[in-house]
């Protein structure tokens, strides 16, 4: 799945409207933690 710059910008705008500017860093941190956990689990198998 390849996301280009326009798609990423659109996603960020939608996130901004839904959650507001103060919630976005917290959401990105949780997303990063989740992705790291998935990578760790996939390396163990």
Protein backbone atom coordinates (compact mmCIF):
# COMPACT_ATOMS: atom_id res chain seq x y z
CA UNK A 1 0.00 0.00 0.00
CA UNK A 2 1.70 3.15 -1.21
CA UNK A 3 0.45 6.46 0.11
CA UNK A 4 1.53 9.61 -1.66
CA UNK A 5 1.74 13.12 -0.28
CA UNK A 6 -1.84 14.10 -1.26
CA UNK A 7 -3.31 11.09 0.53
CA UNK A 8 -1.29 11.72 3.68
CA UNK A 9 -2.29 15.39 3.70
CA UNK A 10 -5.96 14.46 3.31
CA UNK A 11 -5.73 11.97 6.18
CA UNK A 12 -4.09 14.59 8.40
CA UNK A 13 -6.82 17.13 7.60
CA UNK A 14 -9.55 14.62 8.44
CA UNK A 15 -7.81 13.71 11.71
CA UNK A 16 -7.48 17.39 12.58
CA UNK A 17 -11.21 17.98 12.10
CA UNK A 18 -12.26 14.87 14.02
CA UNK A 19 -9.89 15.05 16.98
CA UNK A 20 -8.49 18.58 17.13
CA UNK A 21 -4.86 19.65 17.24
CA UNK A 22 -4.25 18.69 20.87
CA UNK A 23 -5.24 15.02 20.39
CA UNK A 24 -3.22 14.24 17.23
CA UNK A 25 0.21 13.75 18.90
CA UNK A 26 -1.31 11.34 21.41
CA UNK A 27 -2.99 9.36 18.62
CA UNK A 28 0.25 9.18 16.61
CA UNK A 29 2.12 7.91 19.69
CA UNK A 30 -0.47 5.17 20.21
CA UNK A 31 -0.34 4.26 16.51
CA UNK A 32 3.46 3.99 16.65
CA UNK A 33 3.30 1.81 19.76
CA UNK A 34 0.76 -0.47 18.12
CA UNK A 35 2.84 -0.83 14.96
CA UNK A 36 5.94 -1.60 17.02
CA UNK A 37 4.04 -4.29 18.92
CA UNK A 38 2.88 -5.85 15.65
CA UNK A 39 6.46 -5.87 14.34
CA UNK A 40 7.71 -7.50 17.54
CA UNK A 41 5.06 -10.20 17.38
CA UNK A 42 5.77 -10.91 13.70
CA UNK A 43 9.53 -11.26 14.41
CA UNK A 44 8.87 -13.85 17.12
CA UNK A 45 6.94 -16.19 14.82
